[in-house]
Amino acid sequence: MRDPRIGFFTITSVKLSSDYRNAKIMISFMGSEEEKKRGFEGIKSATSYIRHKLSQKLFMKYSPSLSFVYDEMKELKIEKILAEIHKEKNEKNKENSK
């Protein structure tokens, strides 16, 4: 996709209905609140395009209807992990510079 609104995002989970006609896709975004909002709007506006591309790759009678859901909880976990990594890296740099 070439939508400039869509930045870095992660698909955190996909839930399919039992008949495979509906897919609920949980996504999280990295960046500022404004970037996250624009990214989610970009994904939502590209839903039919994504469904079309998906239908070309799937060998199913029906292509599932897609609904995207913003998954803030996964995003917070990812940001927490990244912050911990950054903290550990800074601590190691301080130790090495002594």
C-alpha atoms as a PDB file:
ATOM      1  CA  MET A   1       0.000   0.000   0.000  1.00  0.00           C
ATOM      2  CA  ARG A   2       1.270   3.422  -0.809  1.00  0.00           C
ATOM      3  CA  ASP A   3      -0.882   5.506   1.488  1.00  0.00           C
ATOM      4  CA  PRO A   4       1.461   7.984   3.198  1.00  0.00           C
ATOM      5  CA  ARG A   5      -0.777   8.039   6.282  1.00  0.00           C
ATOM      6  CA  ILE A   6       0.060   4.432   7.072  1.00  0.00           C
ATOM      7  CA  GLY A   7       3.293   4.150   8.978  1.00  0.00           C
ATOM      8  CA  PHE A   8       4.674   1.295  11.046  1.00  0.00           C
ATOM      9  CA  PHE A   9       1.953  -1.019  12.338  1.00  0.00           C
ATOM     10  CA  THR A  10       1.652  -4.531  13.685  1.00  0.00           C
ATOM     11  CA  ILE A  11      -1.155  -7.032  13.258  1.00  0.00           C
ATOM     12  CA  THR A  12      -1.511  -8.323  16.804  1.00  0.00           C
ATOM     13  CA  SER A  13      -4.225 -10.915  16.180  1.00  0.00           C
ATOM     14  CA  VAL A  14      -6.853 -12.079  13.714  1.00  0.00           C
ATOM     15  CA  LYS A  15     -10.150 -13.614  14.733  1.00  0.00           C
ATOM     16  CA  LEU A  16     -12.149 -15.450  12.084  1.00  0.00           C
ATOM     17  CA  SER A  17     -15.809 -16.327  12.356  1.00  0.00           C
ATOM     18  CA  SER A  18     -16.632 -20.025  12.216  1.00  0.00           C
ATOM     19  CA  ASP A  19     -17.830 -19.719   8.601  1.00  0.00           C
ATOM     20  CA  TYR A  20     -14.716 -17.699   7.593  1.00  0.00           C
ATOM     21  CA  ARG A  21     -16.848 -14.866   6.224  1.00  0.00           C
ATOM     22  CA  ASN A  22     -15.741 -12.259   8.784  1.00  0.00           C
ATOM     23  CA  ALA A  23     -12.288 -11.402  10.050  1.00  0.00           C
ATOM     24  CA  LYS A  24     -11.602  -9.085  12.957  1.00  0.00           C
ATOM     25  CA  ILE A  25      -8.041  -7.795  12.667  1.00  0.00           C
ATOM     26  CA  MET A  26      -6.418  -6.232  15.710  1.00  0.00           C
ATOM     27  CA  ILE A  27      -3.681  -3.717  14.851  1.00  0.00           C
ATOM     28  CA  SER A  28      -1.396  -1.420  16.784  1.00  0.00           C
ATOM     29  CA  PHE A  29       0.662   1.518  15.575  1.00  0.00           C
ATOM     30  CA  MET A  30       3.935   3.097  16.586  1.00  0.00           C
ATOM     31  CA  GLY A  31       4.410   6.853  16.633  1.00  0.00           C
ATOM     32  CA  SER A  32       2.710   9.933  17.997  1.00  0.00           C
ATOM     33  CA  GLU A  33      -1.010  10.018  18.716  1.00  0.00           C
ATOM     34  CA  GLU A  34      -1.572  11.941  15.468  1.00  0.00           C
ATOM     35  CA  GLU A  35       0.437   9.400  13.444  1.00  0.00           C
ATOM     36  CA  LYS A  36      -1.508   6.540  15.027  1.00  0.00           C
ATOM     37  CA  LYS A  37      -4.820   8.214  14.226  1.00  0.00           C
ATOM     38  CA  ARG A  38      -3.820   8.911  10.606  1.00  0.00           C
ATOM     39  CA  GLY A  39      -2.466   5.383  10.212  1.00  0.00           C
ATOM     40  CA  PHE A  40      -5.657   3.793  11.475  1.00  0.00           C
ATOM     41  CA  GLU A  41      -7.735   5.997   9.168  1.00  0.00           C
ATOM     42  CA  GLY A  42      -5.497   4.953   6.268  1.00  0.00           C
ATOM     43  CA  ILE A  43      -5.926   1.268   7.040  1.00  0.00           C
ATOM     44  CA  LYS A  44      -9.694   1.641   7.372  1.00  0.00           C
ATOM     45  CA  SER A  45      -9.940   3.505   4.060  1.00  0.00           C
ATOM     46  CA  ALA A  46      -7.922   0.737   2.364  1.00  0.00           C
ATOM     47  CA  THR A  47     -10.141  -2.086   3.656  1.00  0.00           C
ATOM     48  CA  SER A  48     -11.690  -2.924   0.280  1.00  0.00           C
ATOM     49  CA  TYR A  49      -8.266  -2.839  -1.412  1.00  0.00           C
ATOM     50  CA  ILE A  50      -6.801  -5.136   1.266  1.00  0.00           C
ATOM     51  CA  ARG A  51      -9.769  -7.502   0.943  1.00  0.00           C
ATOM     52  CA  HIS A  52      -9.321  -7.593  -2.830  1.00  0.00           C
ATOM     53  CA  LYS A  53      -5.592  -8.382  -2.523  1.00  0.00           C
ATOM     54  CA  LEU A  54      -6.316 -11.008   0.107  1.00  0.00           C
ATOM     55  CA  SER A  55      -8.920 -12.675  -2.126  1.00  0.00           C
ATOM     56  CA  GLN A  56      -6.268 -13.061  -4.834  1.00  0.00           C
ATOM     57  CA  LYS A  57      -4.056 -15.018  -2.420  1.00  0.00           C
ATOM     58  CA  LEU A  58      -6.711 -17.147  -0.709  1.00  0.00           C
ATOM     59  CA  PHE A  59      -8.260 -20.192  -2.269  1.00  0.00           C
ATOM     60  CA  MET A  60     -11.654 -19.933  -0.615  1.00  0.00           C
ATOM     61  CA  LYS A  61     -15.189 -19.735  -1.880  1.00  0.00           C
ATOM     62  CA  TYR A  62     -15.732 -16.407  -0.094  1.00  0.00           C
ATOM     63  CA  SER A  63     -13.309 -13.682   0.783  1.00  0.00           C
ATOM     64  CA  PRO A  64     -13.816 -12.662   4.403  1.00  0.00           C
ATOM     65  CA  SER A  65     -15.240  -9.274   5.281  1.00  0.00           C
ATOM     66  CA  LEU A  66     -12.528  -7.365   7.136  1.00  0.00           C
ATOM     67  CA  SER A  67     -12.923  -5.158  10.171  1.00  0.00           C
ATOM     68  CA  PHE A  68      -9.920  -3.459  11.722  1.00  0.00           C
ATOM     69  CA  VAL A  69      -9.771  -2.771  15.452  1.00  0.00           C
ATOM     70  CA  TYR A  70      -7.212  -0.565  17.140  1.00  0.00           C
ATOM     71  CA  ASP A  71      -5.392  -2.685  19.738  1.00  0.00           C
ATOM     72  CA  GLU A  72      -3.997  -0.218  22.254  1.00  0.00           C
ATOM     73  CA  MET A  73      -3.060  -2.852  24.830  1.00  0.00           C
ATOM     74  CA  LYS A  74      -0.579  -4.616  22.546  1.00  0.00           C
ATOM     75  CA  GLU A  75       0.873  -1.264  21.557  1.00  0.00           C
ATOM     76  CA  LEU A  76       1.480  -0.351  25.193  1.00  0.00           C
ATOM     77  CA  LYS A  77       3.244  -3.658  25.789  1.00  0.00           C
ATOM     78  CA  ILE A  78       5.454  -3.153  22.741  1.00  0.00           C
ATOM     79  CA  GLU A  79       6.330   0.392  23.804  1.00  0.00           C
ATOM     80  CA  LYS A  80       7.142  -0.836  27.317  1.00  0.00           C
ATOM     81  CA  ILE A  81       9.479  -3.517  25.949  1.00  0.00           C
ATOM     82  CA  LEU A  82      11.187  -0.999  23.664  1.00  0.00           C
ATOM     83  CA  ALA A  83      11.623   1.408  26.587  1.00  0.00           C
ATOM     84  CA  GLU A  84      13.223  -1.363  28.669  1.00  0.00           C
ATOM     85  CA  ILE A  85      15.609  -2.224  25.835  1.00  0.00           C
ATOM     86  CA  HIS A  86      16.522   1.435  25.455  1.00  0.00           C
ATOM     87  CA  LYS A  87      17.124   1.744  29.222  1.00  0.00           C
ATOM     88  CA  GLU A  88      19.361  -1.350  29.279  1.00  0.00           C
ATOM     89  CA  LYS A  89      21.321  -0.073  26.293  1.00  0.00           C
ATOM     90  CA  ASN A  90      21.893   3.288  28.007  1.00  0.00           C
ATOM     91  CA  GLU A  91      23.023   1.566  31.210  1.00  0.00           C
ATOM     92  CA  LYS A  92      25.513  -0.592  29.283  1.00  0.00           C
ATOM     93  CA  ASN A  93      26.856   2.464  27.473  1.00  0.00           C
ATOM     94  CA  LYS A  94      27.389   4.244  30.807  1.00  0.00           C
ATOM     95  CA  GLU A  95      29.223   1.217  32.221  1.00  0.00           C
ATOM     96  CA  ASN A  96      31.433   0.941  29.140  1.00  0.00           C
ATOM     97  CA  SER A  97      32.338   4.623  29.217  1.00  0.00           C
ATOM     98  CA  LYS A  98      33.677   4.407  32.817  1.00  0.00           C
END
